PDB file of N, CA and C in Angstrom:
ATOM      1  N   UNK A   1      -4.474  -3.960  -3.561  1.00  0.00           N
ATOM      2  CA  UNK A   1      -3.859  -5.135  -2.972  1.00  0.00           C
ATOM      3  C   UNK A   1      -4.283  -5.209  -1.504  1.00  0.00           C
ATOM      4  N   UNK A   2      -4.759  -6.346  -1.076  1.00  0.00           N
ATOM      5  CA  UNK A   2      -5.326  -6.509   0.263  1.00  0.00           C
ATOM      6  C   UNK A   2      -4.290  -6.266   1.366  1.00  0.00           C
ATOM      7  N   UNK A   3      -3.096  -6.780   1.203  1.00  0.00           N
ATOM      8  CA  UNK A   3      -2.072  -6.642   2.228  1.00  0.00           C
ATOM      9  C   UNK A   3      -1.462  -5.253   2.290  1.00  0.00           C
ATOM     10  N   UNK A   4      -1.709  -4.445   1.262  1.00  0.00           N
ATOM     11  CA  UNK A   4      -1.090  -3.120   1.209  1.00  0.00           C
ATOM     12  C   UNK A   4      -1.566  -2.229   2.355  1.00  0.00           C
ATOM     13  N   UNK A   5      -2.871  -2.253   2.664  1.00  0.00           N
ATOM     14  CA  UNK A   5      -3.376  -1.423   3.751  1.00  0.00           C
ATOM     15  C   UNK A   5      -2.758  -1.852   5.081  1.00  0.00           C
ATOM     16  N   UNK A   6      -2.718  -3.138   5.323  1.00  0.00           N
ATOM     17  CA  UNK A   6      -2.114  -3.629   6.561  1.00  0.00           C
ATOM     18  C   UNK A   6      -0.643  -3.214   6.618  1.00  0.00           C
ATOM     19  N   UNK A   7       0.051  -3.323   5.483  1.00  0.00           N
ATOM     20  CA  UNK A   7       1.457  -2.909   5.431  1.00  0.00           C
ATOM     21  C   UNK A   7       1.593  -1.438   5.790  1.00  0.00           C
ATOM     22  N   UNK A   8       0.793  -0.588   5.153  1.00  0.00           N
ATOM     23  CA  UNK A   8       0.873   0.846   5.415  1.00  0.00           C
ATOM     24  C   UNK A   8       0.603   1.154   6.880  1.00  0.00           C
ATOM     25  N   UNK A   9      -0.399   0.510   7.442  1.00  0.00           N
ATOM     26  CA  UNK A   9      -0.742   0.747   8.842  1.00  0.00           C
ATOM     27  C   UNK A   9       0.379   0.292   9.780  1.00  0.00           C
ATOM     28  N   UNK A  10       0.927  -0.881   9.512  1.00  0.00           N
ATOM     29  CA  UNK A  10       2.006  -1.397  10.354  1.00  0.00           C
ATOM     30  C   UNK A  10       3.269  -0.542  10.226  1.00  0.00           C
ATOM     31  N   UNK A  11       3.610  -0.182   9.010  1.00  0.00           N
ATOM     32  CA  UNK A  11       4.800   0.636   8.790  1.00  0.00           C
ATOM     33  C   UNK A  11       4.630   2.010   9.441  1.00  0.00           C
ATOM     34  N   UNK A  12       3.454   2.606   9.290  1.00  0.00           N
ATOM     35  CA  UNK A  12       3.196   3.907   9.914  1.00  0.00           C
ATOM     36  C   UNK A  12       3.242   3.816  11.436  1.00  0.00           C
ATOM     37  N   UNK A  13       2.695   2.740  11.984  1.00  0.00           N
ATOM     38  CA  UNK A  13       2.716   2.551  13.439  1.00  0.00           C
ATOM     39  C   UNK A  13       4.153   2.430  13.947  1.00  0.00           C
ATOM     40  N   UNK A  14       4.991   1.707  13.215  1.00  0.00           N
ATOM     41  CA  UNK A  14       6.386   1.567  13.619  1.00  0.00           C
ATOM     42  C   UNK A  14       7.110   2.903  13.522  1.00  0.00           C
ATOM     43  N   UNK A  15       6.910   3.625  12.429  1.00  0.00           N
ATOM     44  CA  UNK A  15       7.536   4.942  12.291  1.00  0.00           C
ATOM     45  C   UNK A  15       7.100   5.881  13.421  1.00  0.00           C
ATOM     46  N   UNK A  16       5.814   5.878  13.724  1.00  0.00           N
ATOM     47  CA  UNK A  16       5.284   6.731  14.793  1.00  0.00           C
ATOM     48  C   UNK A  16       5.914   6.361  16.139  1.00  0.00           C
ATOM     49  N   UNK A  17       5.992   5.074  16.410  1.00  0.00           N
ATOM     50  CA  UNK A  17       6.562   4.621  17.685  1.00  0.00           C
ATOM     51  C   UNK A  17       8.021   5.045  17.801  1.00  0.00           C
ATOM     52  N   UNK A  18       8.771   4.940  16.717  1.00  0.00           N
ATOM     53  CA  UNK A  18      10.176   5.344  16.723  1.00  0.00           C
ATOM     54  C   UNK A  18      10.277   6.853  16.957  1.00  0.00           C
ATOM     55  N   UNK A  19       9.443   7.630  16.267  1.00  0.00           N
ATOM     56  CA  UNK A  19       9.485   9.092  16.426  1.00  0.00           C
ATOM     57  C   UNK A  19       9.103   9.546  17.830  1.00  0.00           C
ATOM     58  N   UNK A  20       8.203   8.821  18.467  1.00  0.00           N
ATOM     59  CA  UNK A  20       7.619   9.292  19.723  1.00  0.00           C
ATOM     60  C   UNK A  20       8.287   8.775  20.992  1.00  0.00           C
ATOM     61  N   UNK A  21       9.224   7.870  20.898  1.00  0.00           N
ATOM     62  CA  UNK A  21       9.788   7.327  22.130  1.00  0.00           C
ATOM     63  C   UNK A  21      11.280   7.080  22.000  1.00  0.00           C
ATOM     64  N   UNK A  22      11.966   7.227  23.112  1.00  0.00           N
ATOM     65  CA  UNK A  22      13.385   6.940  23.129  1.00  0.00           C
ATOM     66  C   UNK A  22      14.144   7.911  23.997  1.00  0.00           C
ATOM     67  N   UNK A  23      15.433   7.682  24.087  1.00  0.00           N
ATOM     68  CA  UNK A  23      16.291   8.529  24.913  1.00  0.00           C
ATOM     69  C   UNK A  23      16.993   9.611  24.109  1.00  0.00           C
ATOM     70  N   UNK A  24      17.155   9.414  22.809  1.00  0.00           N
ATOM     71  CA  UNK A  24      17.777  10.465  21.997  1.00  0.00           C
ATOM     72  C   UNK A  24      16.706  11.493  21.627  1.00  0.00           C
ATOM     73  N   UNK A  25      17.137  12.671  21.254  1.00  0.00           N
ATOM     74  CA  UNK A  25      16.220  13.763  20.925  1.00  0.00           C
ATOM     75  C   UNK A  25      15.296  13.356  19.779  1.00  0.00           C
ATOM     76  N   UNK A  26      14.051  13.790  19.866  1.00  0.00           N
ATOM     77  CA  UNK A  26      13.042  13.447  18.862  1.00  0.00           C
ATOM     78  C   UNK A  26      13.450  13.909  17.468  1.00  0.00           C
ATOM     79  N   UNK A  27      14.081  15.081  17.364  1.00  0.00           N
ATOM     80  CA  UNK A  27      14.490  15.561  16.044  1.00  0.00           C
ATOM     81  C   UNK A  27      15.612  14.700  15.454  1.00  0.00           C
ATOM     82  N   UNK A  28      16.476  14.167  16.300  1.00  0.00           N
ATOM     83  CA  UNK A  28      17.521  13.262  15.815  1.00  0.00           C
ATOM     84  C   UNK A  28      16.901  11.948  15.352  1.00  0.00           C
ATOM     85  N   UNK A  29      15.960  11.408  16.123  1.00  0.00           N
ATOM     86  CA  UNK A  29      15.267  10.168  15.703  1.00  0.00           C
ATOM     87  C   UNK A  29      14.571  10.386  14.368  1.00  0.00           C
ATOM     88  N   UNK A  30      13.893  11.525  14.229  1.00  0.00           N
ATOM     89  CA  UNK A  30      13.174  11.818  12.984  1.00  0.00           C
ATOM     90  C   UNK A  30      14.141  11.943  11.807  1.00  0.00           C
ATOM     91  N   UNK A  31      15.268  12.593  12.028  1.00  0.00           N
ATOM     92  CA  UNK A  31      16.259  12.754  10.953  1.00  0.00           C
ATOM     93  C   UNK A  31      16.841  11.409  10.531  1.00  0.00           C
ATOM     94  N   UNK A  32      17.141  10.559  11.496  1.00  0.00           N
ATOM     95  CA  UNK A  32      17.678   9.234  11.178  1.00  0.00           C
ATOM     96  C   UNK A  32      16.619   8.405  10.474  1.00  0.00           C
ATOM     97  N   UNK A  33      15.391   8.484  10.939  1.00  0.00           N
ATOM     98  CA  UNK A  33      14.289   7.749  10.334  1.00  0.00           C
ATOM     99  C   UNK A  33      14.074   8.175   8.882  1.00  0.00           C
ATOM    100  N   UNK A  34      14.355   9.440   8.594  1.00  0.00           N
ATOM    101  CA  UNK A  34      14.194   9.967   7.239  1.00  0.00           C
ATOM    102  C   UNK A  34      15.404   9.698   6.348  1.00  0.00           C
ATOM    103  N   UNK A  35      16.384   8.952   6.833  1.00  0.00           N
ATOM    104  CA  UNK A  35      17.530   8.603   6.010  1.00  0.00           C
ATOM    105  C   UNK A  35      18.850   9.140   6.509  1.00  0.00           C
ATOM    106  N   UNK A  36      18.805  10.031   7.477  1.00  0.00           N
ATOM    107  CA  UNK A  36      20.030  10.495   8.112  1.00  0.00           C
ATOM    108  C   UNK A  36      20.661  11.736   7.514  1.00  0.00           C
ATOM    109  N   UNK A  37      20.224  12.158   6.350  1.00  0.00           N
ATOM    110  CA  UNK A  37      20.872  13.295   5.693  1.00  0.00           C
ATOM    111  C   UNK A  37      20.820  14.569   6.519  1.00  0.00           C
ATOM    112  N   UNK A  38      19.751  14.769   7.291  1.00  0.00           N
ATOM    113  CA  UNK A  38      19.622  15.977   8.091  1.00  0.00           C
ATOM    114  C   UNK A  38      20.153  15.809   9.514  1.00  0.00           C
ATOM    115  N   UNK A  39      20.706  14.662   9.819  1.00  0.00           N
ATOM    116  CA  UNK A  39      21.281  14.429  11.145  1.00  0.00           C
ATOM    117  C   UNK A  39      22.694  15.004  11.197  1.00  0.00           C
ATOM    118  N   UNK A  40      23.091  15.442  12.374  1.00  0.00           N
ATOM    119  CA  UNK A  40      24.453  15.950  12.574  1.00  0.00           C
ATOM    120  C   UNK A  40      25.427  14.773  12.579  1.00  0.00           C
ATOM    121  N   UNK A  41      26.686  15.090  12.326  1.00  0.00           N
ATOM    122  CA  UNK A  41      27.728  14.079  12.473  1.00  0.00           C
ATOM    123  C   UNK A  41      27.947  13.822  13.956  1.00  0.00           C
ATOM    124  N   UNK A  42      28.286  12.659  14.367  1.00  0.00           N
ATOM    125  CA  UNK A  42      28.607  11.448  13.615  1.00  0.00           C
ATOM    126  C   UNK A  42      27.393  10.581  13.295  1.00  0.00           C
ATOM    127  N   UNK A  43      26.199  11.068  13.672  1.00  0.00           N
ATOM    128  CA  UNK A  43      24.992  10.276  13.478  1.00  0.00           C
ATOM    129  C   UNK A  43      24.687  10.052  11.995  1.00  0.00           C
ATOM    130  N   UNK A  44      24.915  11.090  11.181  1.00  0.00           N
ATOM    131  CA  UNK A  44      24.658  10.980   9.742  1.00  0.00           C
ATOM    132  C   UNK A  44      25.494   9.863   9.121  1.00  0.00           C
ATOM    133  N   UNK A  45      26.767   9.845   9.425  1.00  0.00           N
ATOM    134  CA  UNK A  45      27.650   8.830   8.832  1.00  0.00           C
ATOM    135  C   UNK A  45      27.235   7.421   9.231  1.00  0.00           C
ATOM    136  N   UNK A  46      26.915   7.248  10.494  1.00  0.00           N
ATOM    137  CA  UNK A  46      26.504   5.921  10.949  1.00  0.00           C
ATOM    138  C   UNK A  46      25.189   5.518  10.302  1.00  0.00           C
ATOM    139  N   UNK A  47      24.224   6.427  10.232  1.00  0.00           N
ATOM    140  CA  UNK A  47      22.933   6.108   9.611  1.00  0.00           C
ATOM    141  C   UNK A  47      23.111   5.747   8.139  1.00  0.00           C
ATOM    142  N   UNK A  48      23.953   6.481   7.436  1.00  0.00           N
ATOM    143  CA  UNK A  48      24.185   6.195   6.007  1.00  0.00           C
ATOM    144  C   UNK A  48      24.894   4.847   5.838  1.00  0.00           C
ATOM    145  N   UNK A  49      25.830   4.547   6.713  1.00  0.00           N
ATOM    146  CA  UNK A  49      26.526   3.258   6.618  1.00  0.00           C
ATOM    147  C   UNK A  49      25.559   2.111   6.884  1.00  0.00           C
ATOM    148  N   UNK A  50      24.716   2.254   7.880  1.00  0.00           N
ATOM    149  CA  UNK A  50      23.717   1.211   8.166  1.00  0.00           C
ATOM    150  C   UNK A  50      22.810   1.036   6.954  1.00  0.00           C
ATOM    151  N   UNK A  51      22.378   2.133   6.358  1.00  0.00           N
ATOM    152  CA  UNK A  51      21.479   2.083   5.196  1.00  0.00           C
ATOM    153  C   UNK A  51      22.145   1.403   4.000  1.00  0.00           C
ATOM    154  N   UNK A  52      23.365   1.803   3.706  1.00  0.00           N
ATOM    155  CA  UNK A  52      24.019   1.359   2.473  1.00  0.00           C
ATOM    156  C   UNK A  52      24.718   0.005   2.592  1.00  0.00           C
ATOM    157  N   UNK A  53      25.367  -0.223   3.711  1.00  0.00           N
ATOM    158  CA  UNK A  53      26.128  -1.465   3.865  1.00  0.00           C
ATOM    159  C   UNK A  53      26.455  -1.663   5.336  1.00  0.00           C
ATOM    160  N   UNK A  54      25.500  -2.172   6.069  1.00  0.00           N
ATOM    161  CA  UNK A  54      25.626  -2.259   7.525  1.00  0.00           C
ATOM    162  C   UNK A  54      26.836  -3.076   7.972  1.00  0.00           C
ATOM    163  N   UNK A  55      27.280  -3.992   7.147  1.00  0.00           N
ATOM    164  CA  UNK A  55      28.440  -4.802   7.521  1.00  0.00           C
ATOM    165  C   UNK A  55      29.718  -3.965   7.598  1.00  0.00           C
ATOM    166  N   UNK A  56      29.661  -2.734   7.119  1.00  0.00           N
ATOM    167  CA  UNK A  56      30.835  -1.861   7.148  1.00  0.00           C
ATOM    168  C   UNK A  56      30.862  -0.918   8.356  1.00  0.00           C
ATOM    169  N   UNK A  57      29.869  -1.031   9.224  1.00  0.00           N
ATOM    170  CA  UNK A  57      29.890  -0.215  10.439  1.00  0.00           C
ATOM    171  C   UNK A  57      31.115  -0.605  11.252  1.00  0.00           C
ATOM    172  N   UNK A  58      31.856   0.401  11.691  1.00  0.00           N
ATOM    173  CA  UNK A  58      33.091   0.132  12.431  1.00  0.00           C
ATOM    174  C   UNK A  58      32.901   0.382  13.927  1.00  0.00           C
ATOM    175  N   UNK A  59      33.777  -0.232  14.704  1.00  0.00           N
ATOM    176  CA  UNK A  59      33.781   0.027  16.142  1.00  0.00           C
ATOM    177  C   UNK A  59      33.998   1.517  16.405  1.00  0.00           C
ATOM    178  N   UNK A  60      34.849   2.145  15.615  1.00  0.00           N
ATOM    179  CA  UNK A  60      35.141   3.563  15.805  1.00  0.00           C
ATOM    180  C   UNK A  60      33.891   4.416  15.591  1.00  0.00           C
ATOM    181  N   UNK A  61      33.075   4.074  14.592  1.00  0.00           N
ATOM    182  CA  UNK A  61      31.828   4.813  14.376  1.00  0.00           C
ATOM    183  C   UNK A  61      30.907   4.689  15.585  1.00  0.00           C
ATOM    184  N   UNK A  62      30.789   3.487  16.104  1.00  0.00           N
ATOM    185  CA  UNK A  62      29.909   3.246  17.250  1.00  0.00           C
ATOM    186  C   UNK A  62      30.425   3.989  18.480  1.00  0.00           C
ATOM    187  N   UNK A  63      31.736   3.955  18.701  1.00  0.00           N
ATOM    188  CA  UNK A  63      32.322   4.676  19.842  1.00  0.00           C
ATOM    189  C   UNK A  63      32.059   6.173  19.696  1.00  0.00           C
ATOM    190  N   UNK A  64      32.253   6.704  18.511  1.00  0.00           N
ATOM    191  CA  UNK A  64      32.026   8.127  18.284  1.00  0.00           C
ATOM    192  C   UNK A  64      30.561   8.509  18.533  1.00  0.00           C
ATOM    193  N   UNK A  65      29.652   7.671  18.074  1.00  0.00           N
ATOM    194  CA  UNK A  65      28.229   7.920  18.313  1.00  0.00           C
ATOM    195  C   UNK A  65      27.907   7.797  19.801  1.00  0.00           C
ATOM    196  N   UNK A  66      28.475   6.802  20.465  1.00  0.00           N
ATOM    197  CA  UNK A  66      28.241   6.630  21.902  1.00  0.00           C
ATOM    198  C   UNK A  66      28.726   7.859  22.671  1.00  0.00           C
ATOM    199  N   UNK A  67      29.894   8.360  22.323  1.00  0.00           N
ATOM    200  CA  UNK A  67      30.428   9.544  22.993  1.00  0.00           C
ATOM    201  C   UNK A  67      29.572  10.780  22.707  1.00  0.00           C
ATOM    202  N   UNK A  68      29.120  10.926  21.477  1.00  0.00           N
ATOM    203  CA  UNK A  68      28.287  12.080  21.113  1.00  0.00           C
ATOM    204  C   UNK A  68      26.888  11.985  21.694  1.00  0.00           C
ATOM    205  N   UNK A  69      26.353  10.776  21.756  1.00  0.00           N
ATOM    206  CA  UNK A  69      24.992  10.570  22.256  1.00  0.00           C
ATOM    207  C   UNK A  69      24.936  10.595  23.774  1.00  0.00           C
ATOM    208  N   UNK A  70      26.040  10.265  24.427  1.00  0.00           N
ATOM    209  CA  UNK A  70      26.105  10.349  25.866  1.00  0.00           C
ATOM    210  C   UNK A  70      25.901   9.067  26.633  1.00  0.00           C
ATOM    211  N   UNK A  71      25.526   7.996  25.950  1.00  0.00           N
ATOM    212  CA  UNK A  71      25.350   6.721  26.655  1.00  0.00           C
ATOM    213  C   UNK A  71      25.306   5.562  25.665  1.00  0.00           C
ATOM    214  N   UNK A  72      25.523   4.389  26.214  1.00  0.00           N
ATOM    215  CA  UNK A  72      25.432   3.164  25.422  1.00  0.00           C
ATOM    216  C   UNK A  72      23.996   2.985  24.904  1.00  0.00           C
ATOM    217  N   UNK A  73      23.030   3.271  25.765  1.00  0.00           N
ATOM    218  CA  UNK A  73      21.624   3.125  25.375  1.00  0.00           C
ATOM    219  C   UNK A  73      21.272   4.060  24.221  1.00  0.00           C
ATOM    220  N   UNK A  74      21.741   5.294  24.276  1.00  0.00           N
ATOM    221  CA  UNK A  74      21.474   6.250  23.198  1.00  0.00           C
ATOM    222  C   UNK A  74      22.130   5.798  21.894  1.00  0.00           C
ATOM    223  N   UNK A  75      23.346   5.299  21.974  1.00  0.00           N
ATOM    224  CA  UNK A  75      24.028   4.802  20.771  1.00  0.00           C
ATOM    225  C   UNK A  75      23.271   3.611  20.191  1.00  0.00           C
ATOM    226  N   UNK A  76      22.805   2.724  21.058  1.00  0.00           N
ATOM    227  CA  UNK A  76      22.014   1.582  20.601  1.00  0.00           C
ATOM    228  C   UNK A  76      20.756   2.068  19.892  1.00  0.00           C
ATOM    229  N   UNK A  77      20.124   3.087  20.445  1.00  0.00           N
ATOM    230  CA  UNK A  77      18.911   3.622  19.828  1.00  0.00           C
ATOM    231  C   UNK A  77      19.199   4.214  18.449  1.00  0.00           C
ATOM    232  N   UNK A  78      20.326   4.872  18.301  1.00  0.00           N
ATOM    233  CA  UNK A  78      20.710   5.418  16.992  1.00  0.00           C
ATOM    234  C   UNK A  78      20.849   4.277  15.981  1.00  0.00           C
ATOM    235  N   UNK A  79      21.553   3.232  16.369  1.00  0.00           N
ATOM    236  CA  UNK A  79      21.754   2.089  15.467  1.00  0.00           C
ATOM    237  C   UNK A  79      20.425   1.423  15.147  1.00  0.00           C
ATOM    238  N   UNK A  80      19.580   1.216  16.141  1.00  0.00           N
ATOM    239  CA  UNK A  80      18.293   0.560  15.904  1.00  0.00           C
ATOM    240  C   UNK A  80      17.368   1.423  15.054  1.00  0.00           C
ATOM    241  N   UNK A  81      17.384   2.729  15.267  1.00  0.00           N
ATOM    242  CA  UNK A  81      16.562   3.619  14.449  1.00  0.00           C
ATOM    243  C   UNK A  81      17.022   3.574  13.001  1.00  0.00           C
ATOM    244  N   UNK A  82      18.318   3.613  12.787  1.00  0.00           N
ATOM    245  CA  UNK A  82      18.853   3.539  11.424  1.00  0.00           C
ATOM    246  C   UNK A  82      18.523   2.197  10.781  1.00  0.00           C
ATOM    247  N   UNK A  83      18.609   1.136  11.542  1.00  0.00           N
ATOM    248  CA  UNK A  83      18.293  -0.198  11.021  1.00  0.00           C
ATOM    249  C   UNK A  83      16.816  -0.318  10.666  1.00  0.00           C
ATOM    250  N   UNK A  84      15.964   0.143  11.553  1.00  0.00           N
ATOM    251  CA  UNK A  84      14.520   0.091  11.283  1.00  0.00           C
ATOM    252  C   UNK A  84      14.169   0.949  10.076  1.00  0.00           C
ATOM    253  N   UNK A  85      14.775   2.124   9.984  1.00  0.00           N
ATOM    254  CA  UNK A  85      14.509   3.009   8.851  1.00  0.00           C
ATOM    255  C   UNK A  85      14.921   2.358   7.534  1.00  0.00           C
ATOM    256  N   UNK A  86      16.086   1.734   7.512  1.00  0.00           N
ATOM    257  CA  UNK A  86      16.551   1.057   6.296  1.00  0.00           C
ATOM    258  C   UNK A  86      15.607  -0.090   5.935  1.00  0.00           C
ATOM    259  N   UNK A  87      15.199  -0.851   6.933  1.00  0.00           N
ATOM    260  CA  UNK A  87      14.268  -1.948   6.687  1.00  0.00           C
ATOM    261  C   UNK A  87      12.925  -1.462   6.178  1.00  0.00           C
ATOM    262  N   UNK A  88      12.424  -0.384   6.734  1.00  0.00           N
ATOM    263  CA  UNK A  88      11.141   0.167   6.290  1.00  0.00           C
ATOM    264  C   UNK A  88      11.221   0.676   4.858  1.00  0.00           C
ATOM    265  N   UNK A  89      12.325   1.318   4.488  1.00  0.00           N
ATOM    266  CA  UNK A  89      12.465   1.771   3.097  1.00  0.00           C
ATOM    267  C   UNK A  89      12.484   0.586   2.143  1.00  0.00           C
ATOM    268  N   UNK A  90      13.149  -0.486   2.521  1.00  0.00           N
ATOM    269  CA  UNK A  90      13.179  -1.675   1.670  1.00  0.00           C
ATOM    270  C   UNK A  90      11.805  -2.339   1.603  1.00  0.00           C
ATOM    271  N   UNK A  91      11.116  -2.383   2.734  1.00  0.00           N
ATOM    272  CA  UNK A  91       9.774  -2.957   2.795  1.00  0.00           C
ATOM    273  C   UNK A  91       8.823  -2.157   1.894  1.00  0.00           C
ATOM    274  N   UNK A  92       8.880  -0.837   1.984  1.00  0.00           N
ATOM    275  CA  UNK A  92       8.051   0.018   1.135  1.00  0.00           C
ATOM    276  C   UNK A  92       8.353  -0.226  -0.348  1.00  0.00           C
ATOM    277  N   UNK A  93       9.624  -0.312  -0.678  1.00  0.00           N
ATOM    278  CA  UNK A  93      10.017  -0.534  -2.072  1.00  0.00           C
ATOM    279  C   UNK A  93       9.518  -1.887  -2.572  1.00  0.00           C
ATOM    280  N   UNK A  94       9.591  -2.904  -1.741  1.00  0.00           N
ATOM    281  CA  UNK A  94       9.112  -4.232  -2.130  1.00  0.00           C
ATOM    282  C   UNK A  94       7.610  -4.214  -2.381  1.00  0.00           C
ATOM    283  N   UNK A  95       6.861  -3.564  -1.516  1.00  0.00           N
ATOM    284  CA  UNK A  95       5.416  -3.500  -1.716  1.00  0.00           C
ATOM    285  C   UNK A  95       5.054  -2.703  -2.956  1.00  0.00           C
ATOM    286  N   UNK A  96       5.802  -1.635  -3.257  1.00  0.00           N
ATOM    287  CA  UNK A  96       5.553  -0.895  -4.499  1.00  0.00           C
ATOM    288  C   UNK A  96       5.831  -1.771  -5.708  1.00  0.00           C
ATOM    289  N   UNK A  97       6.934  -2.526  -5.660  1.00  0.00           N
ATOM    290  CA  UNK A  97       7.282  -3.409  -6.778  1.00  0.00           C
ATOM    291  C   UNK A  97       6.227  -4.492  -6.975  1.00  0.00           C
ATOM    292  N   UNK A  98       5.752  -5.059  -5.891  1.00  0.00           N
ATOM    293  CA  UNK A  98       4.705  -6.085  -5.991  1.00  0.00           C
ATOM    294  C   UNK A  98       3.432  -5.482  -6.568  1.00  0.00           C
ATOM    295  N   UNK A  99       3.066  -4.285  -6.090  1.00  0.00           N
ATOM    296  CA  UNK A  99       1.858  -3.624  -6.596  1.00  0.00           C
ATOM    297  C   UNK A  99       1.984  -3.311  -8.088  1.00  0.00           C
ATOM    298  N   UNK A 100       3.147  -2.849  -8.507  1.00  0.00           N
ATOM    299  CA  UNK A 100       3.366  -2.541  -9.919  1.00  0.00           C
ATOM    300  C   UNK A 100       3.313  -3.817 -10.762  1.00  0.00           C
ATOM    301  N   UNK A 101       3.904  -4.874 -10.276  1.00  0.00           N
ATOM    302  CA  UNK A 101       3.896  -6.136 -11.021  1.00  0.00           C
ATOM    303  C   UNK A 101       2.491  -6.703 -11.097  1.00  0.00           C
ATOM    304  N   UNK A 102       1.727  -6.569 -10.047  1.00  0.00           N
ATOM    305  CA  UNK A 102       0.354  -7.064 -10.022  1.00  0.00           C
ATOM    306  C   UNK A 102      -0.531  -6.264 -10.942  1.00  0.00           C
ATOM    307  N   UNK A 103      -0.272  -4.952 -11.063  1.00  0.00           N
ATOM    308  CA  UNK A 103      -1.080  -4.083 -11.909  1.00  0.00           C
ATOM    309  C   UNK A 103      -0.654  -4.137 -13.375  1.00  0.00           C
ATOM    310  N   UNK A 104       0.502  -4.715 -13.645  1.00  0.00           N
ATOM    311  CA  UNK A 104       1.002  -4.752 -15.031  1.00  0.00           C
ATOM    312  C   UNK A 104       0.136  -5.667 -15.885  1.00  0.00           C
ATOM    313  N   UNK A 105      -0.020  -5.288 -17.127  1.00  0.00           N
ATOM    314  CA  UNK A 105      -0.808  -6.136 -18.034  1.00  0.00           C
ATOM    315  C   UNK A 105       0.057  -7.321 -18.473  1.00  0.00           C
ATOM    316  N   UNK A 106      -0.590  -8.446 -18.668  1.00  0.00           N
ATOM    317  CA  UNK A 106       0.127  -9.685 -19.003  1.00  0.00           C
ATOM    318  C   UNK A 106       0.504  -9.755 -20.448  1.00  0.00           C
TER     319      UNK A 106
END
């Protein structure tokens, strides 16, 4: 599929940029980018909530992350990393589904 290479390159570039820059620790960014399971609390809970049902993120979760992260900017980065990670997983899944449907016999 022609767009698949561009997708892979763009997605990889975004993942790399997220891993390599920011105010929170690189290992925390990497853990959140990977789905949050290896992140410490309260970051894990917030990352999982963003992934599964972002509309359920509570003010209390954000306050707890802000206090643990040490700043508003760090908390924002946690939320944005979790959001980007969730979007990238969905984007990857969509491209796999399109590729499978395109390769399927009629």
